[in-house]
Amino acid sequence: MVIATETMCYNSGFMKGDTYDHGSFKVDGALFSFHTVEDCRRLLRNADLRITSEVATDGLSELLADKINNLDDESYRLWLNYHYYCCEKPEFLGASNQLLFVAN
């Protein structure tokens, strides 16, 4: 689950702690509900919705936030262009902390 890797960014000892369930890979007491990409697809299909687009909205941005926040304007523009290119690639969906599904 993404939450484990996200939490490790802020606490390198997280995996040894007692808030992480090593069997289910879930975090006890998390404020949010975390799902795999396939879980999200199943939820939408079960609601009789047809997915028209899937987007990894933050992609690798959270992991690179310090670097991105220090880019000059031109480098930031180039980063955004790259980010927008990658965010709809299927291989990035599972690496993003946030997903956006467009469905009807």
PDB file of N, CA and C in Angstrom:
ATOM      1  N   MET A   1       0.825  -1.184   0.000  1.00  0.00           N
ATOM      2  CA  MET A   1       0.000   0.000   0.000  1.00  0.00           C
ATOM      3  C   MET A   1       0.869   1.246   0.000  1.00  0.00           C
ATOM      4  N   VAL A   2       0.405   2.247  -0.661  1.00  0.00           N
ATOM      5  CA  VAL A   2       1.152   3.491  -0.768  1.00  0.00           C
ATOM      6  C   VAL A   2       1.369   4.130   0.597  1.00  0.00           C
ATOM      7  N   ILE A   3       0.413   3.991   1.500  1.00  0.00           N
ATOM      8  CA  ILE A   3       0.537   4.656   2.805  1.00  0.00           C
ATOM      9  C   ILE A   3       1.815   4.244   3.519  1.00  0.00           C
ATOM     10  N   ALA A   4       2.237   3.003   3.389  1.00  0.00           N
ATOM     11  CA  ALA A   4       3.453   2.553   4.070  1.00  0.00           C
ATOM     12  C   ALA A   4       4.677   3.280   3.525  1.00  0.00           C
ATOM     13  N   THR A   5       4.786   3.401   2.210  1.00  0.00           N
ATOM     14  CA  THR A   5       5.939   4.093   1.640  1.00  0.00           C
ATOM     15  C   THR A   5       5.883   5.579   1.936  1.00  0.00           C
ATOM     16  N   GLU A   6       4.687   6.143   1.919  1.00  0.00           N
ATOM     17  CA  GLU A   6       4.539   7.572   2.240  1.00  0.00           C
ATOM     18  C   GLU A   6       4.964   7.821   3.688  1.00  0.00           C
ATOM     19  N   THR A   7       4.538   6.967   4.598  1.00  0.00           N
ATOM     20  CA  THR A   7       4.862   7.139   6.004  1.00  0.00           C
ATOM     21  C   THR A   7       6.354   6.973   6.236  1.00  0.00           C
ATOM     22  N   MET A   8       6.994   6.077   5.516  1.00  0.00           N
ATOM     23  CA  MET A   8       8.433   5.886   5.658  1.00  0.00           C
ATOM     24  C   MET A   8       9.216   7.127   5.261  1.00  0.00           C
ATOM     25  N   CYS A   9       8.653   7.959   4.404  1.00  0.00           N
ATOM     26  CA  CYS A   9       9.325   9.209   4.016  1.00  0.00           C
ATOM     27  C   CYS A   9       9.530  10.106   5.232  1.00  0.00           C
ATOM     28  N   TYR A  10       8.655  10.011   6.188  1.00  0.00           N
ATOM     29  CA  TYR A  10       8.698  10.882   7.355  1.00  0.00           C
ATOM     30  C   TYR A  10       9.213  10.181   8.607  1.00  0.00           C
ATOM     31  N   ASN A  11       9.203   8.843   8.612  1.00  0.00           N
ATOM     32  CA  ASN A  11       9.615   8.077   9.780  1.00  0.00           C
ATOM     33  C   ASN A  11      10.302   6.800   9.304  1.00  0.00           C
ATOM     34  N   SER A  12      11.624   6.807   9.272  1.00  0.00           N
ATOM     35  CA  SER A  12      12.368   5.664   8.738  1.00  0.00           C
ATOM     36  C   SER A  12      12.176   4.397   9.566  1.00  0.00           C
ATOM     37  N   GLY A  13      11.742   4.504  10.819  1.00  0.00           N
ATOM     38  CA  GLY A  13      11.505   3.340  11.664  1.00  0.00           C
ATOM     39  C   GLY A  13      10.070   2.835  11.615  1.00  0.00           C
ATOM     40  N   PHE A  14       9.282   3.391  10.716  1.00  0.00           N
ATOM     41  CA  PHE A  14       7.854   3.068  10.636  1.00  0.00           C
ATOM     42  C   PHE A  14       7.572   1.571  10.507  1.00  0.00           C
ATOM     43  N   MET A  15       8.304   0.879   9.665  1.00  0.00           N
ATOM     44  CA  MET A  15       8.025  -0.534   9.405  1.00  0.00           C
ATOM     45  C   MET A  15       8.229  -1.398  10.651  1.00  0.00           C
ATOM     46  N   LYS A  16       9.024  -0.957  11.590  1.00  0.00           N
ATOM     47  CA  LYS A  16       9.255  -1.710  12.825  1.00  0.00           C
ATOM     48  C   LYS A  16       8.203  -1.405  13.889  1.00  0.00           C
ATOM     49  N   GLY A  17       7.421  -0.365  13.689  1.00  0.00           N
ATOM     50  CA  GLY A  17       6.442   0.064  14.681  1.00  0.00           C
ATOM     51  C   GLY A  17       5.237  -0.849  14.764  1.00  0.00           C
ATOM     52  N   ASP A  18       4.363  -0.555  15.710  1.00  0.00           N
ATOM     53  CA  ASP A  18       3.196  -1.402  15.922  1.00  0.00           C
ATOM     54  C   ASP A  18       1.920  -0.875  15.262  1.00  0.00           C
ATOM     55  N   THR A  19       2.004   0.190  14.475  1.00  0.00           N
ATOM     56  CA  THR A  19       0.819   0.697  13.788  1.00  0.00           C
ATOM     57  C   THR A  19       0.689   0.120  12.381  1.00  0.00           C
ATOM     58  N   TYR A  20       1.669  -0.659  11.977  1.00  0.00           N
ATOM     59  CA  TYR A  20       1.681  -1.227  10.637  1.00  0.00           C
ATOM     60  C   TYR A  20       1.394  -2.725  10.733  1.00  0.00           C
ATOM     61  N   ASP A  21       0.345  -3.194  10.050  1.00  0.00           N
ATOM     62  CA  ASP A  21      -0.008  -4.613  10.043  1.00  0.00           C
ATOM     63  C   ASP A  21       0.769  -5.297   8.925  1.00  0.00           C
ATOM     64  N   HIS A  22       1.719  -6.129   9.291  1.00  0.00           N
ATOM     65  CA  HIS A  22       2.591  -6.765   8.315  1.00  0.00           C
ATOM     66  C   HIS A  22       1.879  -7.835   7.487  1.00  0.00           C
ATOM     67  N   GLY A  23       0.704  -8.244   7.895  1.00  0.00           N
ATOM     68  CA  GLY A  23      -0.064  -9.220   7.123  1.00  0.00           C
ATOM     69  C   GLY A  23      -0.942  -8.572   6.074  1.00  0.00           C
ATOM     70  N   SER A  24      -1.642  -7.503   6.468  1.00  0.00           N
ATOM     71  CA  SER A  24      -2.564  -6.843   5.536  1.00  0.00           C
ATOM     72  C   SER A  24      -1.929  -5.662   4.821  1.00  0.00           C
ATOM     73  N   PHE A  25      -0.743  -5.225   5.306  1.00  0.00           N
ATOM     74  CA  PHE A  25      -0.043  -4.058   4.758  1.00  0.00           C
ATOM     75  C   PHE A  25      -0.836  -2.771   4.941  1.00  0.00           C
ATOM     76  N   LYS A  26      -1.666  -2.719   5.965  1.00  0.00           N
ATOM     77  CA  LYS A  26      -2.459  -1.528   6.262  1.00  0.00           C
ATOM     78  C   LYS A  26      -1.926  -0.854   7.516  1.00  0.00           C
ATOM     79  N   VAL A  27      -2.262   0.421   7.649  1.00  0.00           N
ATOM     80  CA  VAL A  27      -1.821   1.204   8.796  1.00  0.00           C
ATOM     81  C   VAL A  27      -2.997   1.361   9.757  1.00  0.00           C
ATOM     82  N   ASP A  28      -2.807   0.924  10.994  1.00  0.00           N
ATOM     83  CA  ASP A  28      -3.854   1.058  12.014  1.00  0.00           C
ATOM     84  C   ASP A  28      -4.098   2.530  12.317  1.00  0.00           C
ATOM     85  N   GLY A  29      -5.350   2.900  12.440  1.00  0.00           N
ATOM     86  CA  GLY A  29      -5.707   4.254  12.826  1.00  0.00           C
ATOM     87  C   GLY A  29      -5.527   5.282  11.721  1.00  0.00           C
ATOM     88  N   ALA A  30      -5.341   4.847  10.486  1.00  0.00           N
ATOM     89  CA  ALA A  30      -5.184   5.798   9.374  1.00  0.00           C
ATOM     90  C   ALA A  30      -6.487   6.570   9.182  1.00  0.00           C
ATOM     91  N   LEU A  31      -6.374   7.850   8.886  1.00  0.00           N
ATOM     92  CA  LEU A  31      -7.553   8.689   8.689  1.00  0.00           C
ATOM     93  C   LEU A  31      -8.242   8.425   7.362  1.00  0.00           C
ATOM     94  N   PHE A  32      -7.541   7.791   6.451  1.00  0.00           N
ATOM     95  CA  PHE A  32      -8.059   7.572   5.120  1.00  0.00           C
ATOM     96  C   PHE A  32      -8.190   6.083   4.844  1.00  0.00           C
ATOM     97  N   SER A  33      -8.991   5.758   3.864  1.00  0.00           N
ATOM     98  CA  SER A  33      -9.115   4.377   3.419  1.00  0.00           C
ATOM     99  C   SER A  33      -8.261   4.217   2.169  1.00  0.00           C
ATOM    100  N   PHE A  34      -7.370   3.250   2.186  1.00  0.00           N
ATOM    101  CA  PHE A  34      -6.457   3.062   1.072  1.00  0.00           C
ATOM    102  C   PHE A  34      -6.825   1.810   0.304  1.00  0.00           C
ATOM    103  N   HIS A  35      -6.763   1.912  -1.016  1.00  0.00           N
ATOM    104  CA  HIS A  35      -7.148   0.817  -1.898  1.00  0.00           C
ATOM    105  C   HIS A  35      -6.095   0.626  -2.984  1.00  0.00           C
ATOM    106  N   THR A  36      -6.049  -0.567  -3.505  1.00  0.00           N
ATOM    107  CA  THR A  36      -5.215  -0.802  -4.678  1.00  0.00           C
ATOM    108  C   THR A  36      -5.949  -0.250  -5.900  1.00  0.00           C
ATOM    109  N   VAL A  37      -5.242  -0.149  -6.997  1.00  0.00           N
ATOM    110  CA  VAL A  37      -5.859   0.323  -8.238  1.00  0.00           C
ATOM    111  C   VAL A  37      -7.005  -0.611  -8.616  1.00  0.00           C
ATOM    112  N   GLU A  38      -6.783  -1.910  -8.507  1.00  0.00           N
ATOM    113  CA  GLU A  38      -7.835  -2.869  -8.859  1.00  0.00           C
ATOM    114  C   GLU A  38      -9.030  -2.759  -7.918  1.00  0.00           C
ATOM    115  N   ASP A  39      -8.803  -2.486  -6.622  1.00  0.00           N
ATOM    116  CA  ASP A  39      -9.919  -2.261  -5.691  1.00  0.00           C
ATOM    117  C   ASP A  39     -10.784  -1.096  -6.178  1.00  0.00           C
ATOM    118  N   CYS A  40     -10.145  -0.026  -6.602  1.00  0.00           N
ATOM    119  CA  CYS A  40     -10.885   1.151  -7.085  1.00  0.00           C
ATOM    120  C   CYS A  40     -11.679   0.822  -8.337  1.00  0.00           C
ATOM    121  N   ARG A  41     -11.056   0.115  -9.241  1.00  0.00           N
ATOM    122  CA  ARG A  41     -11.766  -0.276 -10.472  1.00  0.00           C
ATOM    123  C   ARG A  41     -12.992  -1.124 -10.136  1.00  0.00           C
ATOM    124  N   ARG A  42     -12.824  -2.068  -9.225  1.00  0.00           N
ATOM    125  CA  ARG A  42     -13.924  -2.953  -8.827  1.00  0.00           C
ATOM    126  C   ARG A  42     -15.061  -2.151  -8.188  1.00  0.00           C
ATOM    127  N   LEU A  43     -14.724  -1.191  -7.317  1.00  0.00           N
ATOM    128  CA  LEU A  43     -15.751  -0.354  -6.697  1.00  0.00           C
ATOM    129  C   LEU A  43     -16.575   0.380  -7.750  1.00  0.00           C
ATOM    130  N   LEU A  44     -15.916   0.915  -8.748  1.00  0.00           N
ATOM    131  CA  LEU A  44     -16.623   1.646  -9.795  1.00  0.00           C
ATOM    132  C   LEU A  44     -17.457   0.711 -10.669  1.00  0.00           C
ATOM    133  N   ARG A  45     -16.898  -0.437 -11.018  1.00  0.00           N
ATOM    134  CA  ARG A  45     -17.664  -1.411 -11.823  1.00  0.00           C
ATOM    135  C   ARG A  45     -18.896  -1.883 -11.061  1.00  0.00           C
ATOM    136  N   ASN A  46     -18.733  -2.133  -9.755  1.00  0.00           N
ATOM    137  CA  ASN A  46     -19.868  -2.585  -8.938  1.00  0.00           C
ATOM    138  C   ASN A  46     -20.951  -1.521  -8.820  1.00  0.00           C
ATOM    139  N   ALA A  47     -20.598  -0.274  -9.056  1.00  0.00           N
ATOM    140  CA  ALA A  47     -21.570   0.824  -9.049  1.00  0.00           C
ATOM    141  C   ALA A  47     -22.116   1.077 -10.457  1.00  0.00           C
ATOM    142  N   ASP A  48     -21.845   0.134 -11.363  1.00  0.00           N
ATOM    143  CA  ASP A  48     -22.294   0.235 -12.764  1.00  0.00           C
ATOM    144  C   ASP A  48     -21.764   1.475 -13.475  1.00  0.00           C
ATOM    145  N   LEU A  49     -20.534   1.853 -13.130  1.00  0.00           N
ATOM    146  CA  LEU A  49     -19.888   2.983 -13.791  1.00  0.00           C
ATOM    147  C   LEU A  49     -18.831   2.460 -14.761  1.00  0.00           C
ATOM    148  N   ARG A  50     -18.700   3.142 -15.885  1.00  0.00           N
ATOM    149  CA  ARG A  50     -17.691   2.801 -16.883  1.00  0.00           C
ATOM    150  C   ARG A  50     -16.549   3.797 -16.769  1.00  0.00           C
ATOM    151  N   ILE A  51     -15.353   3.293 -16.526  1.00  0.00           N
ATOM    152  CA  ILE A  51     -14.173   4.151 -16.374  1.00  0.00           C
ATOM    153  C   ILE A  51     -13.736   4.643 -17.747  1.00  0.00           C
ATOM    154  N   THR A  52     -13.614   5.956 -17.873  1.00  0.00           N
ATOM    155  CA  THR A  52     -13.157   6.532 -19.133  1.00  0.00           C
ATOM    156  C   THR A  52     -11.721   7.040 -19.063  1.00  0.00           C
ATOM    157  N   SER A  53     -11.237   7.290 -17.832  1.00  0.00           N
ATOM    158  CA  SER A  53      -9.872   7.759 -17.667  1.00  0.00           C
ATOM    159  C   SER A  53      -9.392   7.453 -16.255  1.00  0.00           C
ATOM    160  N   GLU A  54      -8.097   7.160 -16.136  1.00  0.00           N
ATOM    161  CA  GLU A  54      -7.466   6.920 -14.843  1.00  0.00           C
ATOM    162  C   GLU A  54      -6.199   7.776 -14.784  1.00  0.00           C
ATOM    163  N   VAL A  55      -6.034   8.513 -13.687  1.00  0.00           N
ATOM    164  CA  VAL A  55      -4.913   9.448 -13.583  1.00  0.00           C
ATOM    165  C   VAL A  55      -4.213   9.281 -12.244  1.00  0.00           C
ATOM    166  N   ALA A  56      -2.899   9.153 -12.287  1.00  0.00           N
ATOM    167  CA  ALA A  56      -2.063   9.168 -11.078  1.00  0.00           C
ATOM    168  C   ALA A  56      -1.762  10.627 -10.792  1.00  0.00           C
ATOM    169  N   THR A  57      -2.614  11.280 -10.020  1.00  0.00           N
ATOM    170  CA  THR A  57      -2.568  12.740  -9.932  1.00  0.00           C
ATOM    171  C   THR A  57      -1.279  13.307  -9.363  1.00  0.00           C
ATOM    172  N   ASP A  58      -0.685  12.657  -8.361  1.00  0.00           N
ATOM    173  CA  ASP A  58       0.565  13.210  -7.845  1.00  0.00           C
ATOM    174  C   ASP A  58       1.787  12.424  -8.278  1.00  0.00           C
ATOM    175  N   GLY A  59       1.607  11.265  -8.857  1.00  0.00           N
ATOM    176  CA  GLY A  59       2.752  10.504  -9.359  1.00  0.00           C
ATOM    177  C   GLY A  59       3.883  10.447  -8.351  1.00  0.00           C
ATOM    178  N   LEU A  60       5.048  10.849  -8.755  1.00  0.00           N
ATOM    179  CA  LEU A  60       6.220  10.834  -7.883  1.00  0.00           C
ATOM    180  C   LEU A  60       6.455  12.174  -7.184  1.00  0.00           C
ATOM    181  N   SER A  61       5.534  13.098  -7.351  1.00  0.00           N
ATOM    182  CA  SER A  61       5.730  14.448  -6.823  1.00  0.00           C
ATOM    183  C   SER A  61       5.959  14.498  -5.319  1.00  0.00           C
ATOM    184  N   GLU A  62       5.256  13.678  -4.560  1.00  0.00           N
ATOM    185  CA  GLU A  62       5.437  13.743  -3.106  1.00  0.00           C
ATOM    186  C   GLU A  62       6.849  13.328  -2.710  1.00  0.00           C
ATOM    187  N   LEU A  63       7.377  12.315  -3.370  1.00  0.00           N
ATOM    188  CA  LEU A  63       8.734  11.872  -3.057  1.00  0.00           C
ATOM    189  C   LEU A  63       9.783  12.895  -3.483  1.00  0.00           C
ATOM    190  N   LEU A  64       9.465  13.686  -4.496  1.00  0.00           N
ATOM    191  CA  LEU A  64      10.410  14.661  -5.033  1.00  0.00           C
ATOM    192  C   LEU A  64      10.066  16.093  -4.635  1.00  0.00           C
ATOM    193  N   ALA A  65       9.166  16.265  -3.679  1.00  0.00           N
ATOM    194  CA  ALA A  65       8.635  17.594  -3.344  1.00  0.00           C
ATOM    195  C   ALA A  65       9.720  18.619  -3.064  1.00  0.00           C
ATOM    196  N   ASP A  66      10.728  18.286  -2.272  1.00  0.00           N
ATOM    197  CA  ASP A  66      11.791  19.254  -1.961  1.00  0.00           C
ATOM    198  C   ASP A  66      12.507  19.715  -3.216  1.00  0.00           C
ATOM    199  N   LYS A  67      12.784  18.792  -4.107  1.00  0.00           N
ATOM    200  CA  LYS A  67      13.474  19.142  -5.357  1.00  0.00           C
ATOM    201  C   LYS A  67      12.565  19.987  -6.256  1.00  0.00           C
ATOM    202  N   ILE A  68      11.317  19.576  -6.391  1.00  0.00           N
ATOM    203  CA  ILE A  68      10.373  20.293  -7.257  1.00  0.00           C
ATOM    204  C   ILE A  68      10.140  21.709  -6.737  1.00  0.00           C
ATOM    205  N   ASN A  69       9.994  21.853  -5.441  1.00  0.00           N
ATOM    206  CA  ASN A  69       9.736  23.176  -4.858  1.00  0.00           C
ATOM    207  C   ASN A  69      10.904  24.142  -5.034  1.00  0.00           C
ATOM    208  N   ASN A  70      12.069  23.634  -5.349  1.00  0.00           N
ATOM    209  CA  ASN A  70      13.242  24.488  -5.534  1.00  0.00           C
ATOM    210  C   ASN A  70      13.611  24.701  -7.000  1.00  0.00           C
ATOM    211  N   LEU A  71      12.769  24.263  -7.910  1.00  0.00           N
ATOM    212  CA  LEU A  71      13.051  24.452  -9.339  1.00  0.00           C
ATOM    213  C   LEU A  71      12.826  25.909  -9.744  1.00  0.00           C
ATOM    214  N   ASP A  72      13.597  26.357 -10.719  1.00  0.00           N
ATOM    215  CA  ASP A  72      13.325  27.675 -11.298  1.00  0.00           C
ATOM    216  C   ASP A  72      12.092  27.542 -12.198  1.00  0.00           C
ATOM    217  N   ASP A  73      11.561  28.656 -12.680  1.00  0.00           N
ATOM    218  CA  ASP A  73      10.309  28.646 -13.443  1.00  0.00           C
ATOM    219  C   ASP A  73      10.365  27.754 -14.675  1.00  0.00           C
ATOM    220  N   GLU A  74      11.450  27.849 -15.438  1.00  0.00           N
ATOM    221  CA  GLU A  74      11.551  27.037 -16.652  1.00  0.00           C
ATOM    222  C   GLU A  74      11.638  25.550 -16.314  1.00  0.00           C
ATOM    223  N   SER A  75      12.430  25.196 -15.319  1.00  0.00           N
ATOM    224  CA  SER A  75      12.550  23.794 -14.918  1.00  0.00           C
ATOM    225  C   SER A  75      11.224  23.266 -14.393  1.00  0.00           C
ATOM    226  N   TYR A  76      10.485  24.116 -13.670  1.00  0.00           N
ATOM    227  CA  TYR A  76       9.176  23.697 -13.157  1.00  0.00           C
ATOM    228  C   TYR A  76       8.205  23.439 -14.306  1.00  0.00           C
ATOM    229  N   ARG A  77       8.217  24.308 -15.292  1.00  0.00           N
ATOM    230  CA  ARG A  77       7.358  24.119 -16.470  1.00  0.00           C
ATOM    231  C   ARG A  77       7.694  22.795 -17.157  1.00  0.00           C
ATOM    232  N   LEU A  78       8.987  22.504 -17.297  1.00  0.00           N
ATOM    233  CA  LEU A  78       9.416  21.254 -17.910  1.00  0.00           C
ATOM    234  C   LEU A  78       9.015  20.046 -17.047  1.00  0.00           C
ATOM    235  N   TRP A  79       9.132  20.196 -15.713  1.00  0.00           N
ATOM    236  CA  TRP A  79       8.699  19.123 -14.814  1.00  0.00           C
ATOM    237  C   TRP A  79       7.204  18.839 -14.993  1.00  0.00           C
ATOM    238  N   LEU A  80       6.390  19.907 -15.019  1.00  0.00           N
ATOM    239  CA  LEU A  80       4.950  19.715 -15.189  1.00  0.00           C
ATOM    240  C   LEU A  80       4.625  19.010 -16.490  1.00  0.00           C
ATOM    241  N   ASN A  81       5.314  19.389 -17.550  1.00  0.00           N
ATOM    242  CA  ASN A  81       5.103  18.737 -18.835  1.00  0.00           C
ATOM    243  C   ASN A  81       5.391  17.242 -18.725  1.00  0.00           C
ATOM    244  N   TYR A  82       6.478  16.888 -18.068  1.00  0.00           N
ATOM    245  CA  TYR A  82       6.843  15.488 -17.851  1.00  0.00           C
ATOM    246  C   TYR A  82       5.806  14.797 -16.956  1.00  0.00           C
ATOM    247  N   HIS A  83       5.420  15.469 -15.875  1.00  0.00           N
ATOM    248  CA  HIS A  83       4.441  14.906 -14.942  1.00  0.00           C
ATOM    249  C   HIS A  83       3.119  14.610 -15.653  1.00  0.00           C
ATOM    250  N   TYR A  84       2.622  15.561 -16.429  1.00  0.00           N
ATOM    251  CA  TYR A  84       1.360  15.360 -17.144  1.00  0.00           C
ATOM    252  C   TYR A  84       1.474  14.210 -18.143  1.00  0.00           C
ATOM    253  N   TYR A  85       2.634  14.056 -18.746  1.00  0.00           N
ATOM    254  CA  TYR A  85       2.864  12.948 -19.670  1.00  0.00           C
ATOM    255  C   TYR A  85       2.768  11.612 -18.932  1.00  0.00           C
ATOM    256  N   CYS A  86       3.375  11.540 -17.750  1.00  0.00           N
ATOM    257  CA  CYS A  86       3.437  10.280 -16.997  1.00  0.00           C
ATOM    258  C   CYS A  86       2.148   9.944 -16.256  1.00  0.00           C
ATOM    259  N   CYS A  87       1.386  10.937 -15.846  1.00  0.00           N
ATOM    260  CA  CYS A  87       0.290  10.697 -14.910  1.00  0.00           C
ATOM    261  C   CYS A  87      -0.815   9.791 -15.457  1.00  0.00           C
ATOM    262  N   GLU A  88      -0.943   9.664 -16.763  1.00  0.00           N
ATOM    263  CA  GLU A  88      -1.960   8.771 -17.308  1.00  0.00           C
ATOM    264  C   GLU A  88      -1.381   7.444 -17.798  1.00  0.00           C
ATOM    265  N   LYS A  89      -0.109   7.220 -17.546  1.00  0.00           N
ATOM    266  CA  LYS A  89       0.513   5.946 -17.915  1.00  0.00           C
ATOM    267  C   LYS A  89       0.102   4.887 -16.900  1.00  0.00           C
ATOM    268  N   PRO A  90      -0.396   3.747 -17.349  1.00  0.00           N
ATOM    269  CA  PRO A  90      -0.851   2.705 -16.413  1.00  0.00           C
ATOM    270  C   PRO A  90       0.213   2.274 -15.402  1.00  0.00           C
ATOM    271  N   GLU A  91       1.459   2.271 -15.802  1.00  0.00           N
ATOM    272  CA  GLU A  91       2.515   1.815 -14.904  1.00  0.00           C
ATOM    273  C   GLU A  91       2.771   2.758 -13.734  1.00  0.00           C
ATOM    274  N   PHE A  92       2.249   3.984 -13.772  1.00  0.00           N
ATOM    275  CA  PHE A  92       2.419   4.934 -12.677  1.00  0.00           C
ATOM    276  C   PHE A  92       1.244   4.936 -11.699  1.00  0.00           C
ATOM    277  N   LEU A  93       0.130   4.303 -12.061  1.00  0.00           N
ATOM    278  CA  LEU A  93      -1.059   4.363 -11.217  1.00  0.00           C
ATOM    279  C   LEU A  93      -0.812   3.836  -9.809  1.00  0.00           C
ATOM    280  N   GLY A  94      -0.128   2.728  -9.679  1.00  0.00           N
ATOM    281  CA  GLY A  94       0.098   2.145  -8.369  1.00  0.00           C
ATOM    282  C   GLY A  94       1.147   2.851  -7.542  1.00  0.00           C
ATOM    283  N   ALA A  95       1.914   3.759  -8.147  1.00  0.00           N
ATOM    284  CA  ALA A  95       2.966   4.474  -7.421  1.00  0.00           C
ATOM    285  C   ALA A  95       2.486   5.817  -6.883  1.00  0.00           C
ATOM    286  N   SER A  96       1.310   6.236  -7.289  1.00  0.00           N
ATOM    287  CA  SER A  96       0.787   7.537  -6.878  1.00  0.00           C
ATOM    288  C   SER A  96       0.017   7.421  -5.575  1.00  0.00           C
ATOM    289  N   ASN A  97       0.088   8.450  -4.732  1.00  0.00           N
ATOM    290  CA  ASN A  97      -0.699   8.464  -3.498  1.00  0.00           C
ATOM    291  C   ASN A  97      -2.153   8.816  -3.743  1.00  0.00           C
ATOM    292  N   GLN A  98      -2.433   9.488  -4.846  1.00  0.00           N
ATOM    293  CA  GLN A  98      -3.794   9.917  -5.168  1.00  0.00           C
ATOM    294  C   GLN A  98      -4.124   9.423  -6.571  1.00  0.00           C
ATOM    295  N   LEU A  99      -5.326   8.910  -6.725  1.00  0.00           N
ATOM    296  CA  LEU A  99      -5.808   8.498  -8.043  1.00  0.00           C
ATOM    297  C   LEU A  99      -7.072   9.267  -8.374  1.00  0.00           C
ATOM    298  N   LEU A 100      -7.242   9.559  -9.640  1.00  0.00           N
ATOM    299  CA  LEU A 100      -8.466  10.190 -10.128  1.00  0.00           C
ATOM    300  C   LEU A 100      -9.047   9.271 -11.192  1.00  0.00           C
ATOM    301  N   PHE A 101     -10.294   8.869 -10.978  1.00  0.00           N
ATOM    302  CA  PHE A 101     -10.992   8.066 -11.972  1.00  0.00           C
ATOM    303  C   PHE A 101     -12.119   8.918 -12.534  1.00  0.00           C
ATOM    304  N   VAL A 102     -12.210   8.971 -13.847  1.00  0.00           N
ATOM    305  CA  VAL A 102     -13.306   9.629 -14.519  1.00  0.00           C
ATOM    306  C   VAL A 102     -14.203   8.508 -15.033  1.00  0.00           C
ATOM    307  N   ALA A 103     -15.465   8.553 -14.681  1.00  0.00           N
ATOM    308  CA  ALA A 103     -16.374   7.469 -15.051  1.00  0.00           C
ATOM    309  C   ALA A 103     -17.762   8.024 -15.341  1.00  0.00           C
ATOM    310  N   ASN A 104     -18.524   7.243 -16.078  1.00  0.00           N
ATOM    311  CA  ASN A 104     -19.927   7.630 -16.333  1.00  0.00           C
ATOM    312  C   ASN A 104     -20.814   6.407 -16.306  1.00  0.00           C
TER     313      ASN A 104
END
